[in-house]
Amino acid sequence: ILMLVVPSIGKGMVDAQYAAINRIYPSWHALFRSVDEETILKLGAYHEITNWGVRSDIGKLCEDGITAYMMYMDEAGCGLYNIHLKEGRLPKAENEIVVYEEMLQAIGEKAEIGAHVTLDYQVFRGTGLDLKQHKEFVVTGFLAGEENLEKNTYTTLHSKDFLVGEVHENE
């Protein structure tokens, strides 16, 4: 009995630790930065890469009282970063956005799916931020989780069409 119980408890403890780690931290094992689309496709075809996703930083929102980073992530990238939707769907059209409900409330906007919100933002250019722009977005979903909400730091997800329209190909 002792030879059965001790290994079973030990394996259970290790499994519980792995489950806790996987819930909190991203599940990716490698991160490539400054990679063009052609290289992404080549890396994805490499036989030792079993799962891959795309993340691209777009810019930063310019709203008082909050810090919000704008990014594009495909569905696989969201999974690798443990980013989940509480409600709705990922953005597809250029003017669609996924946000935290708390972010919209912090800037005084209506927090509901389908709401139109006008946001000021700056796109990353080289080593800095470009000129301030504003655009009306349609909310298509809400992000789940509360990692940085107490610091008023948020993430917004945008479509690939928005990324391609705002960020130059060489960046």
Protein backbone atom coordinates (compact mmCIF):
# COMPACT_ATOMS: atom_id res chain seq x y z
CA ILE A 1 0.00 0.00 0.00
CA LEU A 2 2.81 2.39 0.89
CA MET A 3 4.48 1.86 -2.52
CA LEU A 4 1.20 2.75 -4.24
CA VAL A 5 0.15 5.72 -2.07
CA VAL A 6 3.44 7.67 -1.96
CA PRO A 7 3.97 7.86 -5.78
CA SER A 8 0.28 8.61 -6.33
CA ILE A 9 0.35 11.56 -3.90
CA GLY A 10 3.64 12.80 -5.36
CA LYS A 11 2.30 12.72 -8.93
CA GLY A 12 -0.88 14.46 -7.79
CA MET A 13 1.14 17.27 -6.21
CA VAL A 14 3.24 17.74 -9.36
CA ASP A 15 0.12 17.77 -11.56
CA ALA A 16 -1.51 20.38 -9.30
CA GLN A 17 1.59 22.59 -9.49
CA TYR A 18 1.66 22.35 -13.30
CA ALA A 19 -2.05 23.19 -13.49
CA ALA A 20 -1.54 26.28 -11.31
CA ILE A 21 1.44 27.42 -13.39
CA ASN A 22 -0.41 26.91 -16.69
CA ARG A 23 -3.37 28.93 -15.43
CA ILE A 24 -1.26 31.95 -14.43
CA TYR A 25 1.62 32.06 -16.91
CA PRO A 26 1.68 31.97 -20.72
CA SER A 27 2.16 28.51 -22.19
CA TRP A 28 4.65 29.39 -24.92
CA HIS A 29 8.21 28.12 -24.86
CA ALA A 30 9.83 30.52 -27.33
CA LEU A 31 9.11 34.05 -28.47
CA PHE A 32 10.44 35.57 -31.70
CA ARG A 33 10.43 39.36 -32.03
CA SER A 34 10.63 41.56 -35.13
CA VAL A 35 9.71 38.73 -37.49
CA ASP A 36 8.15 39.39 -40.89
CA GLU A 37 5.16 37.43 -42.18
CA GLU A 38 7.24 35.28 -44.53
CA THR A 39 9.48 34.14 -41.66
CA ILE A 40 6.42 33.40 -39.50
CA LEU A 41 5.14 30.99 -42.14
CA LYS A 42 8.57 29.35 -42.43
CA LEU A 43 8.82 28.92 -38.65
CA GLY A 44 5.29 27.48 -38.52
CA ALA A 45 6.28 24.80 -41.03
CA TYR A 46 9.28 23.68 -38.95
CA HIS A 47 8.64 20.13 -37.74
CA GLU A 48 9.54 20.74 -34.08
CA ILE A 49 7.07 23.61 -33.70
CA THR A 50 3.77 21.99 -32.81
CA ASN A 51 1.70 25.08 -32.03
CA TRP A 52 2.25 28.70 -32.90
CA GLY A 53 0.37 31.96 -32.82
CA VAL A 54 0.86 35.57 -33.85
CA ARG A 55 1.02 38.67 -31.69
CA SER A 56 1.82 42.12 -32.99
CA ASP A 57 1.97 45.28 -30.92
CA ILE A 58 0.19 48.17 -32.64
CA GLY A 59 0.29 51.12 -30.29
CA LYS A 60 -1.08 52.69 -27.15
CA LEU A 61 -4.38 54.35 -26.28
CA CYS A 62 -4.21 58.00 -25.19
CA GLU A 63 -7.04 58.14 -22.67
CA ASP A 64 -6.76 59.92 -19.32
CA GLY A 65 -6.30 57.76 -16.24
CA ILE A 66 -5.51 54.49 -18.03
CA THR A 67 -2.67 52.74 -19.80
CA ALA A 68 -3.86 50.49 -22.63
CA TYR A 69 -1.74 48.67 -25.16
CA MET A 70 -3.22 47.91 -28.57
CA MET A 71 -2.31 44.60 -30.17
CA TYR A 72 -3.33 42.06 -32.74
CA MET A 73 -3.42 38.40 -31.75
CA ASP A 74 -4.79 35.49 -33.70
CA GLU A 75 -6.83 32.82 -31.93
CA ALA A 76 -3.80 30.56 -31.38
CA GLY A 77 -1.80 33.50 -29.98
CA CYS A 78 -4.58 34.25 -27.50
CA GLY A 79 -4.48 30.64 -26.34
CA LEU A 80 -0.71 30.69 -25.89
CA TYR A 81 -0.92 33.90 -23.84
CA ASN A 82 -3.86 32.61 -21.77
CA ILE A 83 -6.05 35.44 -23.02
CA HIS A 84 -9.71 34.48 -22.96
CA LEU A 85 -12.91 36.23 -23.89
CA LYS A 86 -15.53 36.62 -21.21
CA GLU A 87 -18.11 37.41 -23.86
CA GLY A 88 -18.29 38.08 -27.61
CA ARG A 89 -15.79 37.29 -30.38
CA LEU A 90 -12.38 38.40 -31.63
CA PRO A 91 -12.36 41.41 -33.98
CA LYS A 92 -12.50 40.77 -37.74
CA ALA A 93 -13.22 44.15 -39.37
CA GLU A 94 -10.82 47.10 -39.23
CA ASN A 95 -13.00 49.11 -36.83
CA GLU A 96 -13.70 46.31 -34.33
CA ILE A 97 -12.14 46.03 -30.87
CA VAL A 98 -12.10 43.70 -27.86
CA VAL A 99 -11.59 45.40 -24.49
CA TYR A 100 -11.99 45.01 -20.76
CA GLU A 101 -15.37 46.22 -19.52
CA GLU A 102 -13.55 47.99 -16.69
CA MET A 103 -11.51 50.01 -19.18
CA LEU A 104 -14.62 51.35 -20.87
CA GLN A 105 -16.12 52.21 -17.49
CA ALA A 106 -12.88 53.98 -16.47
CA ILE A 107 -13.04 56.27 -19.51
CA GLY A 108 -16.80 56.84 -19.21
CA GLU A 109 -17.95 54.79 -22.21
CA LYS A 110 -20.87 52.39 -22.46
CA ALA A 111 -19.70 48.82 -21.68
CA GLU A 112 -21.78 46.60 -23.94
CA ILE A 113 -21.24 44.47 -27.03
CA GLY A 114 -22.01 46.47 -30.17
CA ALA A 115 -21.30 49.83 -28.52
CA HIS A 116 -19.49 52.43 -30.62
CA VAL A 117 -16.54 54.03 -28.81
CA THR A 118 -14.24 56.75 -30.10
CA LEU A 119 -10.69 56.36 -28.82
CA ASP A 120 -7.50 58.38 -29.20
CA TYR A 121 -4.40 56.32 -29.92
CA GLN A 122 -0.80 56.44 -31.09
CA VAL A 123 0.85 53.80 -33.28
CA PHE A 124 4.38 52.54 -32.57
CA ARG A 125 6.81 53.86 -35.21
CA GLY A 126 10.45 52.85 -34.93
CA THR A 127 11.45 53.45 -31.32
CA GLY A 128 8.62 55.82 -30.39
CA LEU A 129 4.99 56.71 -30.84
CA ASP A 130 3.46 58.40 -33.89
CA LEU A 131 1.05 61.35 -33.83
CA LYS A 132 -2.22 61.03 -31.94
CA GLN A 133 -5.19 59.80 -34.00
CA HIS A 134 -8.78 59.06 -33.11
CA LYS A 135 -11.13 56.45 -34.49
CA GLU A 136 -14.54 55.02 -33.75
CA PHE A 137 -14.50 51.32 -32.88
CA VAL A 138 -17.29 48.77 -32.44
CA VAL A 139 -16.94 46.57 -29.34
CA THR A 140 -17.15 42.90 -30.35
CA GLY A 141 -16.08 41.28 -27.08
CA PHE A 142 -14.82 41.61 -23.54
CA LEU A 143 -11.62 40.15 -22.15
CA ALA A 144 -11.68 37.98 -19.02
CA GLY A 145 -9.20 38.30 -16.17
CA GLU A 146 -8.04 40.95 -13.75
CA GLU A 147 -4.23 40.75 -13.77
CA ASN A 148 -3.46 44.48 -14.12
CA LEU A 149 -6.84 46.09 -13.62
CA GLU A 150 -5.94 47.52 -10.21
CA LYS A 151 -3.13 49.47 -11.93
CA ASN A 152 -5.51 50.71 -14.66
CA THR A 153 -3.38 48.87 -17.23
CA TYR A 154 -5.32 47.20 -20.00
CA THR A 155 -4.96 45.40 -23.31
CA THR A 156 -7.14 45.95 -26.36
CA LEU A 157 -7.29 43.49 -29.24
CA HIS A 158 -7.70 44.65 -32.82
CA SER A 159 -8.16 42.93 -36.17
CA LYS A 160 -5.45 42.02 -38.65
CA ASP A 161 -7.03 44.54 -41.06
CA PHE A 162 -6.48 47.31 -38.50
CA LEU A 163 -2.88 46.17 -37.96
CA VAL A 164 -2.13 46.14 -41.70
CA GLY A 165 -3.76 49.55 -42.16
CA GLU A 166 -1.89 51.25 -39.31
CA VAL A 167 1.53 49.62 -39.11
CA HIS A 168 3.91 49.78 -42.04
CA GLU A 169 5.01 46.42 -43.40
CA ASN A 170 8.69 47.05 -42.59
CA GLU A 171 7.76 47.57 -38.92
